Amino acid sequence: MRIARFTTGQDPRYAVVEGAAGDEELVVITGDPLYTPVQPTGEQIRLDDDSVRLLAPVIPRSKIVGVGRNYAEHAAEHGHEVPAAPLLFLKPNTSVIGPDDPIVLPDWTEHVEHEAELAIVIGKVTKDVPAERALDHVFGFTVANDVTARDVQRADSQWARAKGFDGSCPIGPWIVPGLDVDDLYVRARVNGELKQDGRTSQMVFDAAYLVAYVSEVFTLLPGDIILTGTPAGVSPIVDRDVVEVEVEEIGTLRNPVLRRN
């Protein structure tokens, strides 16, 4: 099942996405699937209908929890050791944008990079859950790009500005519940050129462990997101670039890059 959030010019709605790539159809459902059972309304809309715009599949009610240096090769490419425990940081929900929304580069940074990631969407109030039960609290998984102002990250003692600016967390195109995420490819392309090509099996701390660990620190609420880290190969993005982030069995998240004069 794939669950999308979309608009046709009115209030956002949710739908189950059916059909093969290039021939998808939105089966509209009632309510918010985080809180109500999936129930079709009977309305169906072609995804390629000109009136349809996919939105970020969820806007976290409270927080996005990022995990830094969770792939050994990515840590190494920046000269860091793998941390002994997950390295956590926060992004505000105002950093979230959806498919095809522009990543607007702030005027206070000259070096912004993409970071392709698997994202976990929490489905239940979660606190101090053990790893063996952690995935029972997950609603599903989506694709994320943890956009980072690398020069600012190096200059600041905290990562809030470098990773939390508006538009720094594209997610989408939809959420896939019940997915086995132990060994999926995670890729990024810039203008069609492959930059990142890793697998979730390379993560230092797996999805279940991350949910359990984060729940010891924060109470996780439905719709909260955990970013699971990025594989090696991050690279700069500049004005007019197009970034595509793809996670196997989920889909491709595409965003243009824009620097306003």
Protein backbone atom coordinates (compact mmCIF):
# COMPACT_ATOMS: atom_id res chain seq x y z
CA MET A 1 0.00 0.00 0.00
CA ARG A 2 1.14 3.54 -0.80
CA ILE A 3 -0.55 6.47 0.96
CA ALA A 4 -0.30 9.94 -0.55
CA ARG A 5 -1.39 13.38 0.56
CA PHE A 6 -2.50 15.61 -2.29
CA THR A 7 -4.54 18.58 -3.39
CA THR A 8 -6.54 19.47 -6.46
CA GLY A 9 -6.66 23.12 -5.44
CA GLN A 10 -8.75 22.63 -2.33
CA ASP A 11 -7.90 21.35 1.17
CA PRO A 12 -5.35 18.50 1.33
CA ARG A 13 -6.74 14.99 1.12
CA TYR A 14 -5.34 11.48 1.36
CA ALA A 15 -5.44 8.61 -1.09
CA VAL A 16 -4.16 5.11 -1.66
CA VAL A 17 -1.95 5.04 -4.75
CA GLU A 18 -2.68 2.16 -7.08
CA GLY A 19 -1.14 1.14 -10.39
CA ALA A 20 2.32 0.79 -11.91
CA ALA A 21 4.78 3.65 -12.34
CA GLY A 22 3.46 6.09 -14.92
CA ASP A 23 -0.09 4.73 -14.64
CA GLU A 24 -0.94 5.53 -11.02
CA GLU A 25 -4.39 6.36 -9.76
CA LEU A 26 -5.37 8.02 -6.50
CA VAL A 27 -8.11 6.18 -4.62
CA VAL A 28 -9.34 8.91 -2.29
CA ILE A 29 -9.87 7.92 1.36
CA THR A 30 -11.70 9.51 4.27
CA GLY A 31 -9.90 11.38 7.03
CA ASP A 32 -6.27 11.15 8.06
CA PRO A 33 -4.93 7.56 7.91
CA LEU A 34 -2.67 8.22 10.91
CA TYR A 35 -5.81 8.37 13.04
CA THR A 36 -8.61 6.64 11.13
CA PRO A 37 -8.84 3.33 9.22
CA VAL A 38 -8.28 3.50 5.48
CA GLN A 39 -11.73 3.76 3.91
CA PRO A 40 -12.20 4.68 0.22
CA THR A 41 -14.73 7.39 -0.59
CA GLY A 42 -15.41 5.98 -4.04
CA GLU A 43 -13.63 8.85 -5.81
CA GLN A 44 -10.66 8.02 -8.03
CA ILE A 45 -8.34 10.48 -9.75
CA ARG A 46 -5.49 9.91 -12.17
CA LEU A 47 -2.17 10.91 -10.61
CA ASP A 48 -1.17 12.57 -13.90
CA ASP A 49 -4.33 14.71 -13.91
CA ASP A 50 -3.26 18.33 -14.35
CA SER A 51 -5.21 19.34 -11.23
CA VAL A 52 -3.31 16.94 -8.93
CA ARG A 53 -0.38 18.12 -6.85
CA LEU A 54 1.31 15.72 -4.46
CA LEU A 55 2.11 17.22 -1.06
CA ALA A 56 4.49 16.13 1.66
CA PRO A 57 2.78 12.91 2.82
CA VAL A 58 2.85 14.06 6.44
CA ILE A 59 3.56 17.28 8.32
CA PRO A 60 4.96 16.22 11.71
CA ARG A 61 2.87 17.53 14.59
CA SER A 62 5.89 17.95 16.81
CA LYS A 63 9.31 17.03 15.42
CA ILE A 64 11.70 15.50 12.95
CA VAL A 65 14.56 13.61 14.59
CA GLY A 66 17.67 13.27 12.46
CA VAL A 67 20.42 10.71 12.94
CA GLY A 68 23.93 11.78 11.99
CA ARG A 69 26.79 9.59 10.75
CA ASN A 70 24.72 6.41 10.60
CA TYR A 71 26.63 5.11 7.55
CA ALA A 72 30.33 4.43 8.16
CA GLU A 73 31.44 5.56 4.69
CA HIS A 74 29.55 8.85 4.99
CA ALA A 75 31.16 9.52 8.37
CA ALA A 76 34.55 8.75 6.84
CA GLU A 77 34.06 11.07 3.85
CA HIS A 78 33.81 13.95 6.31
CA GLY A 79 36.68 12.72 8.47
CA HIS A 80 34.57 11.49 11.39
CA GLU A 81 34.44 8.27 13.37
CA VAL A 82 31.21 6.31 13.65
CA PRO A 83 29.54 7.37 16.92
CA ALA A 84 29.17 4.83 19.72
CA ALA A 85 25.47 5.71 19.99
CA PRO A 86 23.09 7.39 17.52
CA LEU A 87 23.93 11.07 17.06
CA LEU A 88 20.62 12.92 17.21
CA PHE A 89 19.55 16.35 16.01
CA LEU A 90 16.20 18.05 15.41
CA LYS A 91 14.63 19.73 12.39
CA PRO A 92 11.47 21.85 12.74
CA ASN A 93 8.31 20.93 10.86
CA THR A 94 8.69 24.18 8.90
CA SER A 95 11.63 22.52 7.13
CA VAL A 96 9.26 20.08 5.39
CA ILE A 97 8.41 20.46 1.73
CA GLY A 98 6.87 17.98 -0.69
CA PRO A 99 7.53 16.50 -4.12
CA ASP A 100 8.53 19.04 -6.79
CA ASP A 101 8.62 21.91 -4.27
CA PRO A 102 11.79 23.98 -4.71
CA ILE A 103 14.68 23.72 -2.28
CA VAL A 104 15.37 27.41 -1.77
CA LEU A 105 19.01 28.01 -0.89
CA PRO A 106 19.46 30.58 1.92
CA ASP A 107 21.57 33.63 1.16
CA TRP A 108 23.77 32.96 4.24
CA THR A 109 25.30 29.74 2.89
CA GLU A 110 27.49 29.06 -0.12
CA HIS A 111 27.73 25.25 0.19
CA VAL A 112 24.54 23.19 0.41
CA GLU A 113 24.47 19.41 -0.05
CA HIS A 114 21.85 16.72 -0.56
CA GLU A 115 21.54 13.73 1.80
CA ALA A 116 19.38 10.83 0.59
CA GLU A 117 17.63 9.03 3.44
CA LEU A 118 15.02 6.49 4.43
CA ALA A 119 12.51 8.19 6.74
CA ILE A 120 10.44 6.49 9.43
CA VAL A 121 6.93 7.84 10.09
CA ILE A 122 5.68 7.16 13.62
CA GLY A 123 2.12 5.89 13.96
CA LYS A 124 1.52 5.69 17.73
CA VAL A 125 2.51 7.55 20.87
CA THR A 126 5.86 5.92 21.60
CA LYS A 127 7.94 6.13 24.75
CA ASP A 128 10.64 3.72 25.99
CA VAL A 129 9.68 1.02 23.51
CA PRO A 130 12.10 -1.96 23.26
CA ALA A 131 13.71 -2.60 19.88
CA GLU A 132 11.87 -5.89 19.41
CA ARG A 133 8.53 -4.03 19.50
CA ALA A 134 9.64 -0.73 18.01
CA LEU A 135 8.42 -1.32 14.46
CA ASP A 136 4.91 -1.98 15.80
CA HIS A 137 4.82 1.76 16.50
CA VAL A 138 5.74 2.73 12.95
CA PHE A 139 3.03 3.86 10.53
CA GLY A 140 5.24 3.50 7.47
CA PHE A 141 8.29 4.71 5.58
CA THR A 142 8.96 7.46 3.08
CA VAL A 143 11.85 9.11 1.24
CA ALA A 144 13.67 12.15 2.61
CA ASN A 145 16.42 14.55 1.65
CA ASP A 146 18.21 15.95 4.71
CA VAL A 147 19.42 19.08 2.93
CA THR A 148 22.43 20.53 4.77
CA ALA A 149 24.29 23.84 4.64
CA ARG A 150 27.69 22.20 4.98
CA ASP A 151 29.73 25.36 5.48
CA VAL A 152 27.43 26.47 8.28
CA GLN A 153 27.45 23.01 9.83
CA ARG A 154 31.24 23.23 10.06
CA ALA A 155 31.18 26.78 11.42
CA ASP A 156 28.44 26.44 14.04
CA SER A 157 28.79 24.41 17.22
CA GLN A 158 25.18 23.22 16.78
CA TRP A 159 23.48 21.91 13.63
CA ALA A 160 20.16 23.73 13.98
CA ARG A 161 20.84 26.42 11.38
CA ALA A 162 22.64 24.12 8.93
CA LYS A 163 19.91 21.48 8.88
CA GLY A 164 16.76 23.22 10.06
CA PHE A 165 16.18 26.05 7.60
CA ASP A 166 12.92 26.31 5.66
CA GLY A 167 12.78 23.74 2.87
CA SER A 168 15.65 21.63 4.21
CA CYS A 169 13.53 18.48 4.60
CA PRO A 170 11.84 17.37 1.38
CA ILE A 171 9.82 14.18 1.96
CA GLY A 172 7.64 12.02 -0.28
CA PRO A 173 6.28 11.06 -2.65
CA TRP A 174 4.13 8.89 -0.35
CA ILE A 175 4.24 6.62 2.70
CA VAL A 176 4.54 2.84 2.45
CA PRO A 177 3.33 0.96 5.56
CA GLY A 178 4.50 -2.53 6.48
CA LEU A 179 7.71 -2.40 4.47
CA ASP A 180 10.76 -4.55 5.25
CA VAL A 181 13.53 -1.94 5.30
CA ASP A 182 16.48 -4.13 6.30
CA ASP A 183 18.15 -4.02 2.86
CA LEU A 184 16.84 -1.39 0.43
CA TYR A 185 18.89 0.78 -1.90
CA VAL A 186 19.07 4.50 -1.09
CA ARG A 187 20.16 6.70 -4.00
CA ALA A 188 20.51 10.32 -4.98
CA ARG A 189 20.89 11.82 -8.44
CA VAL A 190 21.66 15.42 -9.33
CA ASN A 191 20.65 16.40 -12.86
CA GLY A 192 20.40 12.69 -13.66
CA GLU A 193 23.92 11.87 -12.44
CA LEU A 194 24.13 9.23 -9.72
CA LYS A 195 25.80 10.66 -6.60
CA GLN A 196 24.77 8.38 -3.74
CA ASP A 197 24.18 4.64 -3.97
CA GLY A 198 23.96 2.85 -0.63
CA ARG A 199 21.81 0.27 1.12
CA THR A 200 19.95 0.38 4.40
CA SER A 201 21.82 -2.78 5.41
CA GLN A 202 24.88 -0.51 5.72
CA MET A 203 23.32 1.53 8.51
CA VAL A 204 25.24 1.36 11.78
CA PHE A 205 21.99 1.39 13.76
CA ASP A 206 18.95 -0.17 12.09
CA ALA A 207 15.41 1.20 11.98
CA ALA A 208 14.09 -0.72 14.98
CA TYR A 209 17.06 0.27 17.13
CA LEU A 210 16.66 3.92 16.15
CA VAL A 211 12.98 4.04 17.08
CA ALA A 212 13.75 2.43 20.43
CA TYR A 213 16.71 4.71 21.12
CA VAL A 214 14.92 7.90 20.14
CA SER A 215 11.89 6.93 22.25
CA GLU A 216 14.15 6.88 25.32
CA VAL A 217 14.92 10.55 24.72
CA PHE A 218 11.68 11.96 23.29
CA THR A 219 8.06 10.89 23.42
CA LEU A 220 7.31 10.24 19.75
CA LEU A 221 3.89 11.30 18.49
CA PRO A 222 1.91 10.10 15.46
CA GLY A 223 3.35 11.76 12.37
CA ASP A 224 6.78 12.39 13.85
CA ILE A 225 9.64 11.48 11.52
CA ILE A 226 12.99 9.85 12.14
CA LEU A 227 15.63 10.38 9.44
CA THR A 228 17.88 7.34 9.44
CA GLY A 229 21.11 8.80 8.04
CA THR A 230 22.66 9.04 4.60
CA PRO A 231 25.14 6.90 2.64
CA ALA A 232 28.38 8.24 1.21
CA GLY A 233 28.46 10.43 -1.89
CA VAL A 234 26.86 13.67 -0.74
CA SER A 235 27.66 16.56 -3.05
CA PRO A 236 26.86 20.26 -3.52
CA ILE A 237 23.60 21.44 -5.06
CA VAL A 238 23.26 24.82 -6.73
CA ASP A 239 20.66 27.00 -8.39
CA ARG A 240 18.75 25.23 -11.22
CA ASP A 241 19.86 21.74 -10.19
CA VAL A 242 17.28 18.97 -9.92
CA VAL A 243 17.73 16.49 -7.08
CA GLU A 244 16.12 13.05 -7.12
CA VAL A 245 16.23 10.83 -4.04
CA GLU A 246 15.05 7.25 -4.42
CA VAL A 247 14.49 4.46 -1.91
CA GLU A 248 13.77 0.97 -3.19
CA GLU A 249 10.15 -0.19 -2.83
CA ILE A 250 9.01 3.34 -1.99
CA GLY A 251 9.66 5.68 -4.91
CA THR A 252 11.47 8.78 -6.09
CA LEU A 253 11.34 12.23 -4.51
CA ARG A 254 12.19 15.02 -6.96
CA ASN A 255 12.94 18.65 -6.07
CA PRO A 256 14.38 21.53 -8.09
CA VAL A 257 16.91 23.84 -6.46
CA LEU A 258 16.46 27.60 -6.46
CA ARG A 259 18.52 30.52 -5.23
CA ARG A 260 16.55 33.76 -5.19
CA ASN A 261 18.41 36.93 -6.10
